[in-house]
């Protein structure tokens, strides 16, 4: 009985000591979701995946993906998907493209990655507000969108509908 009392007192002191420690000035950045060790990417990229989970996948044969954008300066991006959509609204919701970022997803292009390309694949995580940007689509991230072996198509217009978020 005395032993149990001592361990409870010891735990109480430990929790008091830890909670009374000063906060560090350079404390870790807080993300909307936890970063998982299952995604071998920097945390600012990993958090774009659902539950910060992605898988490194080496493309064994050339494979086609899609990229959605609205500004020609963003045509050659690192975020791709295997999902093909007909309207910008479907893209915005399923790829969780927060409209504060400026991508209205008015264009689609196909990208063919060569065999041997290392990709990081998973599911798109939601963005706030979740009712507007739920995510849930397939997402592929590539580290080097400037690789000369990647084949980029000419962009084509999507059906553009007005997106509104209550």
C-alpha atoms as a PDB file:
ATOM      1  CA  UNK A   1       0.000   0.000   0.000  1.00  0.00           C
ATOM      2  CA  UNK A   2       2.797   2.403   0.820  1.00  0.00           C
ATOM      3  CA  UNK A   3       4.398   1.606  -2.548  1.00  0.00           C
ATOM      4  CA  UNK A   4       1.245   2.591  -4.461  1.00  0.00           C
ATOM      5  CA  UNK A   5       1.010   5.877  -2.591  1.00  0.00           C
ATOM      6  CA  UNK A   6       4.630   6.683  -3.362  1.00  0.00           C
ATOM      7  CA  UNK A   7       4.147   6.043  -7.093  1.00  0.00           C
ATOM      8  CA  UNK A   8       1.044   8.265  -7.209  1.00  0.00           C
ATOM      9  CA  UNK A   9       2.954  11.055  -5.464  1.00  0.00           C
ATOM     10  CA  UNK A  10       5.878  10.548  -7.828  1.00  0.00           C
ATOM     11  CA  UNK A  11       3.597  10.837 -10.884  1.00  0.00           C
ATOM     12  CA  UNK A  12       1.974  13.960  -9.471  1.00  0.00           C
ATOM     13  CA  UNK A  13       5.370  15.590  -8.990  1.00  0.00           C
ATOM     14  CA  UNK A  14       6.451  14.567 -12.479  1.00  0.00           C
ATOM     15  CA  UNK A  15       3.355  16.056 -14.119  1.00  0.00           C
ATOM     16  CA  UNK A  16       3.762  19.240 -12.068  1.00  0.00           C
ATOM     17  CA  UNK A  17       7.422  19.530 -13.047  1.00  0.00           C
ATOM     18  CA  UNK A  18       6.758  19.043 -16.761  1.00  0.00           C
ATOM     19  CA  UNK A  19       3.821  21.439 -16.872  1.00  0.00           C
ATOM     20  CA  UNK A  20       5.771  24.129 -15.045  1.00  0.00           C
ATOM     21  CA  UNK A  21       8.672  24.108 -17.516  1.00  0.00           C
ATOM     22  CA  UNK A  22       9.039  27.284 -19.579  1.00  0.00           C
ATOM     23  CA  UNK A  23       7.847  27.136 -23.189  1.00  0.00           C
ATOM     24  CA  UNK A  24      10.588  27.228 -25.797  1.00  0.00           C
ATOM     25  CA  UNK A  25      10.788  30.312 -28.014  1.00  0.00           C
ATOM     26  CA  UNK A  26      11.329  28.211 -31.153  1.00  0.00           C
ATOM     27  CA  UNK A  27       8.710  25.583 -30.407  1.00  0.00           C
ATOM     28  CA  UNK A  28       7.681  23.272 -33.277  1.00  0.00           C
ATOM     29  CA  UNK A  29       5.211  24.552 -35.844  1.00  0.00           C
ATOM     30  CA  UNK A  30       1.629  23.462 -35.168  1.00  0.00           C
ATOM     31  CA  UNK A  31      -0.166  21.821 -38.102  1.00  0.00           C
ATOM     32  CA  UNK A  32      -3.857  21.126 -38.663  1.00  0.00           C
ATOM     33  CA  UNK A  33      -3.078  17.445 -38.456  1.00  0.00           C
ATOM     34  CA  UNK A  34      -0.170  15.418 -37.177  1.00  0.00           C
ATOM     35  CA  UNK A  35       2.742  14.636 -39.455  1.00  0.00           C
ATOM     36  CA  UNK A  36       3.193  10.904 -39.854  1.00  0.00           C
ATOM     37  CA  UNK A  37       6.521   9.166 -40.103  1.00  0.00           C
ATOM     38  CA  UNK A  38       4.856   7.172 -42.879  1.00  0.00           C
ATOM     39  CA  UNK A  39       5.356  10.077 -45.307  1.00  0.00           C
ATOM     40  CA  UNK A  40       9.018  10.678 -46.153  1.00  0.00           C
ATOM     41  CA  UNK A  41       8.459  14.306 -47.187  1.00  0.00           C
ATOM     42  CA  UNK A  42       9.004  17.587 -45.344  1.00  0.00           C
ATOM     43  CA  UNK A  43       6.143  18.309 -42.948  1.00  0.00           C
ATOM     44  CA  UNK A  44       4.805  21.271 -44.976  1.00  0.00           C
ATOM     45  CA  UNK A  45       4.168  18.883 -47.880  1.00  0.00           C
ATOM     46  CA  UNK A  46       3.190  15.820 -45.823  1.00  0.00           C
ATOM     47  CA  UNK A  47       0.296  17.719 -44.210  1.00  0.00           C
ATOM     48  CA  UNK A  48      -1.385  18.094 -47.615  1.00  0.00           C
ATOM     49  CA  UNK A  49      -2.055  14.335 -47.497  1.00  0.00           C
ATOM     50  CA  UNK A  50      -4.898  12.872 -45.421  1.00  0.00           C
ATOM     51  CA  UNK A  51      -3.546  12.187 -41.914  1.00  0.00           C
ATOM     52  CA  UNK A  52      -0.125  13.221 -43.305  1.00  0.00           C
ATOM     53  CA  UNK A  53       0.258   9.743 -44.810  1.00  0.00           C
ATOM     54  CA  UNK A  54       1.840   9.109 -48.179  1.00  0.00           C
ATOM     55  CA  UNK A  55       3.774   6.323 -49.780  1.00  0.00           C
ATOM     56  CA  UNK A  56       6.906   6.536 -51.887  1.00  0.00           C
ATOM     57  CA  UNK A  57       6.210   4.826 -55.216  1.00  0.00           C
ATOM     58  CA  UNK A  58       8.697   4.277 -58.029  1.00  0.00           C
ATOM     59  CA  UNK A  59       6.906   4.378 -61.395  1.00  0.00           C
ATOM     60  CA  UNK A  60       7.751   1.101 -63.178  1.00  0.00           C
ATOM     61  CA  UNK A  61       6.468   2.190 -66.605  1.00  0.00           C
ATOM     62  CA  UNK A  62       5.409   5.566 -68.040  1.00  0.00           C
ATOM     63  CA  UNK A  63       2.236   6.687 -66.301  1.00  0.00           C
ATOM     64  CA  UNK A  64      -0.225   9.506 -67.020  1.00  0.00           C
ATOM     65  CA  UNK A  65      -1.500  11.932 -64.379  1.00  0.00           C
ATOM     66  CA  UNK A  66      -3.542  15.141 -64.441  1.00  0.00           C
ATOM     67  CA  UNK A  67      -2.758  18.642 -63.256  1.00  0.00           C
ATOM     68  CA  UNK A  68      -5.312  21.394 -62.707  1.00  0.00           C
ATOM     69  CA  UNK A  69      -4.399  25.076 -62.721  1.00  0.00           C
ATOM     70  CA  UNK A  70      -5.704  28.497 -63.734  1.00  0.00           C
ATOM     71  CA  UNK A  71      -2.503  30.458 -64.242  1.00  0.00           C
ATOM     72  CA  UNK A  72       0.118  29.482 -66.838  1.00  0.00           C
ATOM     73  CA  UNK A  73       2.780  30.280 -64.241  1.00  0.00           C
ATOM     74  CA  UNK A  74       1.491  27.309 -62.217  1.00  0.00           C
ATOM     75  CA  UNK A  75       1.308  24.839 -65.102  1.00  0.00           C
ATOM     76  CA  UNK A  76       4.455  22.924 -64.144  1.00  0.00           C
ATOM     77  CA  UNK A  77       3.621  22.117 -60.538  1.00  0.00           C
ATOM     78  CA  UNK A  78       4.580  19.217 -58.315  1.00  0.00           C
ATOM     79  CA  UNK A  79       1.063  18.158 -57.259  1.00  0.00           C
ATOM     80  CA  UNK A  80      -0.685  15.755 -59.641  1.00  0.00           C
ATOM     81  CA  UNK A  81      -3.624  13.351 -59.496  1.00  0.00           C
ATOM     82  CA  UNK A  82      -4.956  10.283 -61.273  1.00  0.00           C
ATOM     83  CA  UNK A  83      -8.491  11.702 -60.982  1.00  0.00           C
ATOM     84  CA  UNK A  84      -9.998  13.335 -64.054  1.00  0.00           C
ATOM     85  CA  UNK A  85     -12.748  15.897 -63.503  1.00  0.00           C
ATOM     86  CA  UNK A  86     -14.994  17.828 -65.907  1.00  0.00           C
ATOM     87  CA  UNK A  87     -15.679  20.936 -63.810  1.00  0.00           C
ATOM     88  CA  UNK A  88     -13.529  23.288 -61.798  1.00  0.00           C
ATOM     89  CA  UNK A  89     -15.873  22.995 -58.814  1.00  0.00           C
ATOM     90  CA  UNK A  90     -15.265  19.230 -58.579  1.00  0.00           C
ATOM     91  CA  UNK A  91     -11.510  19.862 -58.713  1.00  0.00           C
ATOM     92  CA  UNK A  92     -11.630  22.591 -56.059  1.00  0.00           C
ATOM     93  CA  UNK A  93     -13.568  20.395 -53.630  1.00  0.00           C
ATOM     94  CA  UNK A  94     -11.882  17.029 -54.214  1.00  0.00           C
ATOM     95  CA  UNK A  95      -8.323  18.389 -54.379  1.00  0.00           C
ATOM     96  CA  UNK A  96      -9.055  20.829 -51.514  1.00  0.00           C
ATOM     97  CA  UNK A  97      -7.873  23.876 -53.453  1.00  0.00           C
ATOM     98  CA  UNK A  98      -8.522  26.657 -50.974  1.00  0.00           C
ATOM     99  CA  UNK A  99      -9.492  29.622 -53.131  1.00  0.00           C
ATOM    100  CA  UNK A 100      -7.330  31.962 -51.043  1.00  0.00           C
ATOM    101  CA  UNK A 101      -4.376  30.293 -52.828  1.00  0.00           C
ATOM    102  CA  UNK A 102      -5.612  31.572 -56.210  1.00  0.00           C
ATOM    103  CA  UNK A 103      -5.974  28.283 -58.135  1.00  0.00           C
ATOM    104  CA  UNK A 104      -9.450  28.343 -59.689  1.00  0.00           C
ATOM    105  CA  UNK A 105      -8.720  25.107 -61.615  1.00  0.00           C
ATOM    106  CA  UNK A 106      -9.919  26.339 -65.000  1.00  0.00           C
ATOM    107  CA  UNK A 107      -7.404  24.252 -66.998  1.00  0.00           C
ATOM    108  CA  UNK A 108      -6.459  20.572 -67.150  1.00  0.00           C
ATOM    109  CA  UNK A 109      -3.370  18.988 -68.644  1.00  0.00           C
ATOM    110  CA  UNK A 110      -2.001  15.476 -68.818  1.00  0.00           C
ATOM    111  CA  UNK A 111       1.467  14.683 -67.572  1.00  0.00           C
ATOM    112  CA  UNK A 112       3.336  11.518 -68.396  1.00  0.00           C
ATOM    113  CA  UNK A 113       5.999  10.568 -65.890  1.00  0.00           C
ATOM    114  CA  UNK A 114       8.783   8.338 -67.194  1.00  0.00           C
ATOM    115  CA  UNK A 115       9.607   4.912 -65.778  1.00  0.00           C
ATOM    116  CA  UNK A 116      11.869   5.224 -62.750  1.00  0.00           C
ATOM    117  CA  UNK A 117      10.293   8.449 -61.441  1.00  0.00           C
ATOM    118  CA  UNK A 118       9.947   8.524 -57.657  1.00  0.00           C
ATOM    119  CA  UNK A 119       6.508   9.783 -56.602  1.00  0.00           C
ATOM    120  CA  UNK A 120       4.756  10.208 -53.278  1.00  0.00           C
ATOM    121  CA  UNK A 121       1.146   9.111 -53.339  1.00  0.00           C
ATOM    122  CA  UNK A 122      -1.800   9.284 -51.003  1.00  0.00           C
ATOM    123  CA  UNK A 123      -5.173  10.935 -50.465  1.00  0.00           C
ATOM    124  CA  UNK A 124      -5.735  14.697 -50.412  1.00  0.00           C
ATOM    125  CA  UNK A 125      -6.336  16.014 -46.896  1.00  0.00           C
ATOM    126  CA  UNK A 126      -9.119  18.514 -46.232  1.00  0.00           C
ATOM    127  CA  UNK A 127      -8.497  22.241 -45.944  1.00  0.00           C
ATOM    128  CA  UNK A 128     -10.414  24.682 -43.786  1.00  0.00           C
ATOM    129  CA  UNK A 129     -13.305  25.121 -43.992  1.00  0.00           C
ATOM    130  CA  UNK A 130     -13.766  21.380 -44.469  1.00  0.00           C
ATOM    131  CA  UNK A 131     -17.340  21.734 -45.799  1.00  0.00           C
ATOM    132  CA  UNK A 132     -15.901  23.692 -48.755  1.00  0.00           C
ATOM    133  CA  UNK A 133     -12.633  21.811 -49.298  1.00  0.00           C
ATOM    134  CA  UNK A 134     -13.170  18.212 -48.144  1.00  0.00           C
ATOM    135  CA  UNK A 135     -10.420  16.620 -50.257  1.00  0.00           C
ATOM    136  CA  UNK A 136     -10.481  12.855 -50.631  1.00  0.00           C
ATOM    137  CA  UNK A 137      -9.049  12.552 -54.153  1.00  0.00           C
ATOM    138  CA  UNK A 138      -5.869  10.723 -55.087  1.00  0.00           C
ATOM    139  CA  UNK A 139      -2.780  12.952 -54.823  1.00  0.00           C
ATOM    140  CA  UNK A 140       0.680  12.438 -56.269  1.00  0.00           C
ATOM    141  CA  UNK A 141       3.634  14.651 -55.399  1.00  0.00           C
ATOM    142  CA  UNK A 142       6.855  14.809 -57.431  1.00  0.00           C
ATOM    143  CA  UNK A 143      10.013  16.508 -56.201  1.00  0.00           C
ATOM    144  CA  UNK A 144      11.248  17.708 -59.595  1.00  0.00           C
ATOM    145  CA  UNK A 145       8.637  19.018 -62.007  1.00  0.00           C
ATOM    146  CA  UNK A 146      11.458  20.406 -64.194  1.00  0.00           C
ATOM    147  CA  UNK A 147      12.739  16.934 -65.162  1.00  0.00           C
ATOM    148  CA  UNK A 148      13.175  17.138 -68.981  1.00  0.00           C
ATOM    149  CA  UNK A 149      11.874  13.555 -69.322  1.00  0.00           C
ATOM    150  CA  UNK A 150       8.410  14.508 -68.074  1.00  0.00           C
ATOM    151  CA  UNK A 151       5.922  15.059 -70.912  1.00  0.00           C
ATOM    152  CA  UNK A 152       3.504  17.928 -70.331  1.00  0.00           C
ATOM    153  CA  UNK A 153       0.487  18.347 -72.623  1.00  0.00           C
ATOM    154  CA  UNK A 154      -1.049  21.619 -73.691  1.00  0.00           C
ATOM    155  CA  UNK A 155      -3.644  22.733 -71.180  1.00  0.00           C
ATOM    156  CA  UNK A 156      -7.308  22.440 -72.076  1.00  0.00           C
ATOM    157  CA  UNK A 157     -10.216  24.377 -70.631  1.00  0.00           C
ATOM    158  CA  UNK A 158     -12.437  22.765 -68.039  1.00  0.00           C
ATOM    159  CA  UNK A 159     -16.126  23.504 -67.692  1.00  0.00           C
ATOM    160  CA  UNK A 160     -16.037  26.489 -65.346  1.00  0.00           C
ATOM    161  CA  UNK A 161     -18.836  26.970 -62.855  1.00  0.00           C
ATOM    162  CA  UNK A 162     -19.073  29.535 -60.094  1.00  0.00           C
ATOM    163  CA  UNK A 163     -17.638  28.167 -56.854  1.00  0.00           C
ATOM    164  CA  UNK A 164     -19.073  29.524 -53.668  1.00  0.00           C
ATOM    165  CA  UNK A 165     -18.448  28.518 -50.115  1.00  0.00           C
ATOM    166  CA  UNK A 166     -21.095  29.399 -47.522  1.00  0.00           C
END
